[in-house]
């Protein structure tokens, strides 16, 4: 359900030159471009993992707590 929600809104709001990653992945899947879809998925996963690790390092360095707020 969460995946459908994260893809549905961008699909409705997309315009020429404003495609989001979710829309691009959806288009690749719809067009049967499995190898390109897999490659972009791996790149997106790597990018988001790097962002997550950077956020974790900064939060630990400054002892930020986001629990219970």
PDB file of N, CA and C in Angstrom:
ATOM      1  N   UNK A   1       0.816  -1.195   0.000  1.00  0.00           N
ATOM      2  CA  UNK A   1       0.000   0.000   0.000  1.00  0.00           C
ATOM      3  C   UNK A   1       0.860   1.260   0.000  1.00  0.00           C
ATOM      4  N   UNK A   2       1.935   1.246   0.776  1.00  0.00           N
ATOM      5  CA  UNK A   2       2.782   2.434   0.836  1.00  0.00           C
ATOM      6  C   UNK A   2       3.455   2.707  -0.507  1.00  0.00           C
ATOM      7  N   UNK A   3       3.814   1.657  -1.211  1.00  0.00           N
ATOM      8  CA  UNK A   3       4.442   1.841  -2.522  1.00  0.00           C
ATOM      9  C   UNK A   3       3.465   2.468  -3.501  1.00  0.00           C
ATOM     10  N   UNK A   4       2.240   2.030  -3.481  1.00  0.00           N
ATOM     11  CA  UNK A   4       1.228   2.591  -4.379  1.00  0.00           C
ATOM     12  C   UNK A   4       1.018   4.067  -4.070  1.00  0.00           C
ATOM     13  N   UNK A   5       0.983   4.426  -2.808  1.00  0.00           N
ATOM     14  CA  UNK A   5       0.790   5.826  -2.430  1.00  0.00           C
ATOM     15  C   UNK A   5       1.965   6.687  -2.874  1.00  0.00           C
ATOM     16  N   UNK A   6       3.188   6.161  -2.780  1.00  0.00           N
ATOM     17  CA  UNK A   6       4.345   6.967  -3.147  1.00  0.00           C
ATOM     18  C   UNK A   6       4.502   7.115  -4.653  1.00  0.00           C
ATOM     19  N   UNK A   7       3.856   6.267  -5.429  1.00  0.00           N
ATOM     20  CA  UNK A   7       3.945   6.350  -6.893  1.00  0.00           C
ATOM     21  C   UNK A   7       2.727   7.048  -7.479  1.00  0.00           C
ATOM     22  N   UNK A   8       1.568   6.911  -6.879  1.00  0.00           N
ATOM     23  CA  UNK A   8       0.333   7.419  -7.468  1.00  0.00           C
ATOM     24  C   UNK A   8       0.337   8.937  -7.621  1.00  0.00           C
ATOM     25  N   UNK A   9       0.696   9.668  -6.594  1.00  0.00           N
ATOM     26  CA  UNK A   9       0.677  11.128  -6.668  1.00  0.00           C
ATOM     27  C   UNK A   9       1.669  11.671  -7.692  1.00  0.00           C
ATOM     28  N   UNK A  10       2.930  11.223  -7.701  1.00  0.00           N
ATOM     29  CA  UNK A  10       3.843  11.715  -8.750  1.00  0.00           C
ATOM     30  C   UNK A  10       3.375  11.390 -10.163  1.00  0.00           C
ATOM     31  N   UNK A  11       2.713  10.248 -10.346  1.00  0.00           N
ATOM     32  CA  UNK A  11       2.210   9.909 -11.681  1.00  0.00           C
ATOM     33  C   UNK A  11       1.154  10.896 -12.139  1.00  0.00           C
ATOM     34  N   UNK A  12       0.358  11.387 -11.213  1.00  0.00           N
ATOM     35  CA  UNK A  12      -0.683  12.348 -11.562  1.00  0.00           C
ATOM     36  C   UNK A  12      -0.123  13.745 -11.798  1.00  0.00           C
ATOM     37  N   UNK A  13       0.969  14.086 -11.144  1.00  0.00           N
ATOM     38  CA  UNK A  13       1.505  15.442 -11.212  1.00  0.00           C
ATOM     39  C   UNK A  13       2.657  15.613 -12.189  1.00  0.00           C
ATOM     40  N   UNK A  14       3.052  14.558 -12.872  1.00  0.00           N
ATOM     41  CA  UNK A  14       4.209  14.630 -13.761  1.00  0.00           C
ATOM     42  C   UNK A  14       3.901  15.489 -14.990  1.00  0.00           C
ATOM     43  N   UNK A  15       4.928  16.201 -15.421  1.00  0.00           N
ATOM     44  CA  UNK A  15       4.835  17.008 -16.632  1.00  0.00           C
ATOM     45  C   UNK A  15       6.106  16.832 -17.447  1.00  0.00           C
ATOM     46  N   UNK A  16       6.167  17.428 -18.616  1.00  0.00           N
ATOM     47  CA  UNK A  16       7.364  17.298 -19.446  1.00  0.00           C
ATOM     48  C   UNK A  16       8.588  17.892 -18.744  1.00  0.00           C
ATOM     49  N   UNK A  17       9.632  17.092 -18.609  1.00  0.00           N
ATOM     50  CA  UNK A  17      10.864  17.551 -18.003  1.00  0.00           C
ATOM     51  C   UNK A  17      10.856  17.576 -16.483  1.00  0.00           C
ATOM     52  N   UNK A  18       9.791  17.088 -15.858  1.00  0.00           N
ATOM     53  CA  UNK A  18       9.713  17.100 -14.401  1.00  0.00           C
ATOM     54  C   UNK A  18       9.484  15.698 -13.833  1.00  0.00           C
ATOM     55  N   UNK A  19       9.995  14.685 -14.487  1.00  0.00           N
ATOM     56  CA  UNK A  19       9.798  13.324 -14.035  1.00  0.00           C
ATOM     57  C   UNK A  19      10.591  13.059 -12.755  1.00  0.00           C
ATOM     58  N   UNK A  20       9.959  12.381 -11.818  1.00  0.00           N
ATOM     59  CA  UNK A  20      10.616  11.974 -10.588  1.00  0.00           C
ATOM     60  C   UNK A  20      11.147  10.559 -10.763  1.00  0.00           C
ATOM     61  N   UNK A  21      11.951  10.121  -9.822  1.00  0.00           N
ATOM     62  CA  UNK A  21      12.527   8.779  -9.907  1.00  0.00           C
ATOM     63  C   UNK A  21      11.422   7.726  -9.917  1.00  0.00           C
ATOM     64  N   UNK A  22      10.414   7.895  -9.080  1.00  0.00           N
ATOM     65  CA  UNK A  22       9.328   6.916  -9.031  1.00  0.00           C
ATOM     66  C   UNK A  22       8.624   6.810 -10.377  1.00  0.00           C
ATOM     67  N   UNK A  23       8.426   7.925 -11.040  1.00  0.00           N
ATOM     68  CA  UNK A  23       7.758   7.915 -12.354  1.00  0.00           C
ATOM     69  C   UNK A  23       8.651   7.270 -13.399  1.00  0.00           C
ATOM     70  N   UNK A  24       9.931   7.570 -13.359  1.00  0.00           N
ATOM     71  CA  UNK A  24      10.867   6.973 -14.309  1.00  0.00           C
ATOM     72  C   UNK A  24      10.920   5.459 -14.126  1.00  0.00           C
ATOM     73  N   UNK A  25      10.972   5.005 -12.880  1.00  0.00           N
ATOM     74  CA  UNK A  25      10.967   3.564 -12.616  1.00  0.00           C
ATOM     75  C   UNK A  25       9.675   2.925 -13.114  1.00  0.00           C
ATOM     76  N   UNK A  26       8.569   3.591 -12.887  1.00  0.00           N
ATOM     77  CA  UNK A  26       7.273   3.076 -13.352  1.00  0.00           C
ATOM     78  C   UNK A  26       7.244   2.990 -14.876  1.00  0.00           C
ATOM     79  N   UNK A  27       7.734   4.016 -15.549  1.00  0.00           N
ATOM     80  CA  UNK A  27       7.758   4.006 -17.019  1.00  0.00           C
ATOM     81  C   UNK A  27       8.642   2.882 -17.556  1.00  0.00           C
ATOM     82  N   UNK A  28       9.807   2.691 -16.945  1.00  0.00           N
ATOM     83  CA  UNK A  28      10.688   1.606 -17.379  1.00  0.00           C
ATOM     84  C   UNK A  28      10.011   0.257 -17.201  1.00  0.00           C
ATOM     85  N   UNK A  29       9.304   0.090 -16.102  1.00  0.00           N
ATOM     86  CA  UNK A  29       8.602  -1.166 -15.844  1.00  0.00           C
ATOM     87  C   UNK A  29       7.479  -1.378 -16.859  1.00  0.00           C
ATOM     88  N   UNK A  30       6.717  -0.324 -17.134  1.00  0.00           N
ATOM     89  CA  UNK A  30       5.610  -0.426 -18.085  1.00  0.00           C
ATOM     90  C   UNK A  30       6.101  -0.731 -19.500  1.00  0.00           C
ATOM     91  N   UNK A  31       7.290  -0.221 -19.858  1.00  0.00           N
ATOM     92  CA  UNK A  31       7.826  -0.425 -21.204  1.00  0.00           C
ATOM     93  C   UNK A  31       8.629  -1.719 -21.333  1.00  0.00           C
ATOM     94  N   UNK A  32       8.751  -2.473 -20.251  1.00  0.00           N
ATOM     95  CA  UNK A  32       9.454  -3.751 -20.311  1.00  0.00           C
ATOM     96  C   UNK A  32      10.960  -3.632 -20.365  1.00  0.00           C
ATOM     97  N   UNK A  33      11.499  -2.505 -19.969  1.00  0.00           N
ATOM     98  CA  UNK A  33      12.943  -2.292 -19.978  1.00  0.00           C
ATOM     99  C   UNK A  33      13.523  -2.747 -18.634  1.00  0.00           C
ATOM    100  N   UNK A  34      13.613  -4.065 -18.487  1.00  0.00           N
ATOM    101  CA  UNK A  34      13.958  -4.653 -17.198  1.00  0.00           C
ATOM    102  C   UNK A  34      15.398  -4.353 -16.810  1.00  0.00           C
ATOM    103  N   UNK A  35      16.335  -4.407 -17.744  1.00  0.00           N
ATOM    104  CA  UNK A  35      17.739  -4.167 -17.391  1.00  0.00           C
ATOM    105  C   UNK A  35      17.956  -2.719 -16.956  1.00  0.00           C
ATOM    106  N   UNK A  36      17.337  -1.783 -17.669  1.00  0.00           N
ATOM    107  CA  UNK A  36      17.449  -0.380 -17.281  1.00  0.00           C
ATOM    108  C   UNK A  36      16.775  -0.129 -15.932  1.00  0.00           C
ATOM    109  N   UNK A  37      15.644  -0.776 -15.710  1.00  0.00           N
ATOM    110  CA  UNK A  37      14.923  -0.668 -14.446  1.00  0.00           C
ATOM    111  C   UNK A  37      15.783  -1.182 -13.295  1.00  0.00           C
ATOM    112  N   UNK A  38      16.410  -2.329 -13.491  1.00  0.00           N
ATOM    113  CA  UNK A  38      17.266  -2.899 -12.445  1.00  0.00           C
ATOM    114  C   UNK A  38      18.463  -1.993 -12.165  1.00  0.00           C
ATOM    115  N   UNK A  39      19.077  -1.461 -13.218  1.00  0.00           N
ATOM    116  CA  UNK A  39      20.228  -0.587 -13.037  1.00  0.00           C
ATOM    117  C   UNK A  39      19.843   0.693 -12.293  1.00  0.00           C
ATOM    118  N   UNK A  40      18.734   1.283 -12.683  1.00  0.00           N
ATOM    119  CA  UNK A  40      18.296   2.509 -12.008  1.00  0.00           C
ATOM    120  C   UNK A  40      17.887   2.224 -10.572  1.00  0.00           C
ATOM    121  N   UNK A  41      17.276   1.071 -10.321  1.00  0.00           N
ATOM    122  CA  UNK A  41      16.915   0.689  -8.964  1.00  0.00           C
ATOM    123  C   UNK A  41      18.141   0.533  -8.077  1.00  0.00           C
ATOM    124  N   UNK A  42      19.187  -0.085  -8.608  1.00  0.00           N
ATOM    125  CA  UNK A  42      20.429  -0.242  -7.843  1.00  0.00           C
ATOM    126  C   UNK A  42      21.074   1.117  -7.578  1.00  0.00           C
ATOM    127  N   UNK A  43      21.084   1.987  -8.576  1.00  0.00           N
ATOM    128  CA  UNK A  43      21.639   3.331  -8.377  1.00  0.00           C
ATOM    129  C   UNK A  43      20.853   4.114  -7.328  1.00  0.00           C
ATOM    130  N   UNK A  44      19.521   4.022  -7.395  1.00  0.00           N
ATOM    131  CA  UNK A  44      18.673   4.730  -6.434  1.00  0.00           C
ATOM    132  C   UNK A  44      18.883   4.176  -5.024  1.00  0.00           C
ATOM    133  N   UNK A  45      18.974   2.855  -4.899  1.00  0.00           N
ATOM    134  CA  UNK A  45      19.218   2.230  -3.607  1.00  0.00           C
ATOM    135  C   UNK A  45      20.570   2.658  -3.043  1.00  0.00           C
ATOM    136  N   UNK A  46      21.585   2.699  -3.873  1.00  0.00           N
ATOM    137  CA  UNK A  46      22.919   3.131  -3.439  1.00  0.00           C
ATOM    138  C   UNK A  46      22.899   4.587  -2.989  1.00  0.00           C
ATOM    139  N   UNK A  47      22.269   5.445  -3.777  1.00  0.00           N
ATOM    140  CA  UNK A  47      22.200   6.860  -3.426  1.00  0.00           C
ATOM    141  C   UNK A  47      21.474   7.065  -2.102  1.00  0.00           C
ATOM    142  N   UNK A  48      20.334   6.418  -1.937  1.00  0.00           N
ATOM    143  CA  UNK A  48      19.560   6.581  -0.704  1.00  0.00           C
ATOM    144  C   UNK A  48      20.287   5.979   0.492  1.00  0.00           C
ATOM    145  N   UNK A  49      21.041   4.921   0.285  1.00  0.00           N
ATOM    146  CA  UNK A  49      21.833   4.347   1.376  1.00  0.00           C
ATOM    147  C   UNK A  49      22.927   5.314   1.818  1.00  0.00           C
ATOM    148  N   UNK A  50      23.579   5.963   0.856  1.00  0.00           N
ATOM    149  CA  UNK A  50      24.614   6.947   1.188  1.00  0.00           C
ATOM    150  C   UNK A  50      24.011   8.114   1.949  1.00  0.00           C
ATOM    151  N   UNK A  51      22.857   8.600   1.515  1.00  0.00           N
ATOM    152  CA  UNK A  51      22.178   9.694   2.223  1.00  0.00           C
ATOM    153  C   UNK A  51      21.818   9.259   3.644  1.00  0.00           C
ATOM    154  N   UNK A  52      21.318   8.045   3.798  1.00  0.00           N
ATOM    155  CA  UNK A  52      20.958   7.534   5.120  1.00  0.00           C
ATOM    156  C   UNK A  52      22.158   7.406   6.037  1.00  0.00           C
ATOM    157  N   UNK A  53      23.265   6.908   5.515  1.00  0.00           N
ATOM    158  CA  UNK A  53      24.484   6.773   6.319  1.00  0.00           C
ATOM    159  C   UNK A  53      25.005   8.139   6.721  1.00  0.00           C
ATOM    160  N   UNK A  54      25.005   9.089   5.793  1.00  0.00           N
ATOM    161  CA  UNK A  54      25.450  10.459   6.123  1.00  0.00           C
ATOM    162  C   UNK A  54      24.573  11.065   7.213  1.00  0.00           C
ATOM    163  N   UNK A  55      23.277  10.890   7.113  1.00  0.00           N
ATOM    164  CA  UNK A  55      22.363  11.399   8.122  1.00  0.00           C
ATOM    165  C   UNK A  55      22.643  10.747   9.474  1.00  0.00           C
ATOM    166  N   UNK A  56      22.876   9.447   9.475  1.00  0.00           N
ATOM    167  CA  UNK A  56      23.165   8.720  10.705  1.00  0.00           C
ATOM    168  C   UNK A  56      24.467   9.221  11.347  1.00  0.00           C
ATOM    169  N   UNK A  57      25.499   9.427  10.534  1.00  0.00           N
ATOM    170  CA  UNK A  57      26.781   9.910  11.051  1.00  0.00           C
ATOM    171  C   UNK A  57      26.627  11.304  11.662  1.00  0.00           C
ATOM    172  N   UNK A  58      25.928  12.191  10.969  1.00  0.00           N
ATOM    173  CA  UNK A  58      25.721  13.549  11.492  1.00  0.00           C
ATOM    174  C   UNK A  58      24.900  13.504  12.781  1.00  0.00           C
ATOM    175  N   UNK A  59      23.866  12.685  12.809  1.00  0.00           N
ATOM    176  CA  UNK A  59      23.027  12.591  14.002  1.00  0.00           C
ATOM    177  C   UNK A  59      23.816  12.061  15.190  1.00  0.00           C
ATOM    178  N   UNK A  60      24.664  11.077  14.956  1.00  0.00           N
ATOM    179  CA  UNK A  60      25.473  10.543  16.063  1.00  0.00           C
ATOM    180  C   UNK A  60      26.549  11.523  16.491  1.00  0.00           C
ATOM    181  N   UNK A  61      27.111  12.244  15.522  1.00  0.00           N
ATOM    182  CA  UNK A  61      28.183  13.184  15.855  1.00  0.00           C
ATOM    183  C   UNK A  61      27.662  14.307  16.747  1.00  0.00           C
ATOM    184  N   UNK A  62      26.488  14.799  16.443  1.00  0.00           N
ATOM    185  CA  UNK A  62      25.922  15.897  17.228  1.00  0.00           C
ATOM    186  C   UNK A  62      24.927  15.406  18.275  1.00  0.00           C
ATOM    187  N   UNK A  63      24.875  14.077  18.452  1.00  0.00           N
ATOM    188  CA  UNK A  63      24.004  13.438  19.446  1.00  0.00           C
ATOM    189  C   UNK A  63      22.553  13.907  19.326  1.00  0.00           C
ATOM    190  N   UNK A  64      22.081  13.944  18.099  1.00  0.00           N
ATOM    191  CA  UNK A  64      20.704  14.331  17.840  1.00  0.00           C
ATOM    192  C   UNK A  64      19.788  13.157  18.111  1.00  0.00           C
ATOM    193  N   UNK A  65      18.667  13.408  18.741  1.00  0.00           N
ATOM    194  CA  UNK A  65      17.692  12.367  19.003  1.00  0.00           C
ATOM    195  C   UNK A  65      16.362  12.781  18.382  1.00  0.00           C
ATOM    196  N   UNK A  66      15.815  11.912  17.535  1.00  0.00           N
ATOM    197  CA  UNK A  66      14.557  12.198  16.880  1.00  0.00           C
ATOM    198  C   UNK A  66      13.437  11.325  17.420  1.00  0.00           C
ATOM    199  N   UNK A  67      13.705  10.629  18.496  1.00  0.00           N
ATOM    200  CA  UNK A  67      12.696   9.771  19.094  1.00  0.00           C
ATOM    201  C   UNK A  67      11.889  10.549  20.118  1.00  0.00           C
ATOM    202  N   UNK A  68      10.608  10.351  20.118  1.00  0.00           N
ATOM    203  CA  UNK A  68       9.748  10.935  21.131  1.00  0.00           C
ATOM    204  C   UNK A  68       9.495  12.421  20.985  1.00  0.00           C
ATOM    205  N   UNK A  69       9.652  12.950  19.775  1.00  0.00           N
ATOM    206  CA  UNK A  69       9.407  14.383  19.589  1.00  0.00           C
ATOM    207  C   UNK A  69       8.044  14.598  19.025  1.00  0.00           C
TER     208      UNK A  69
END
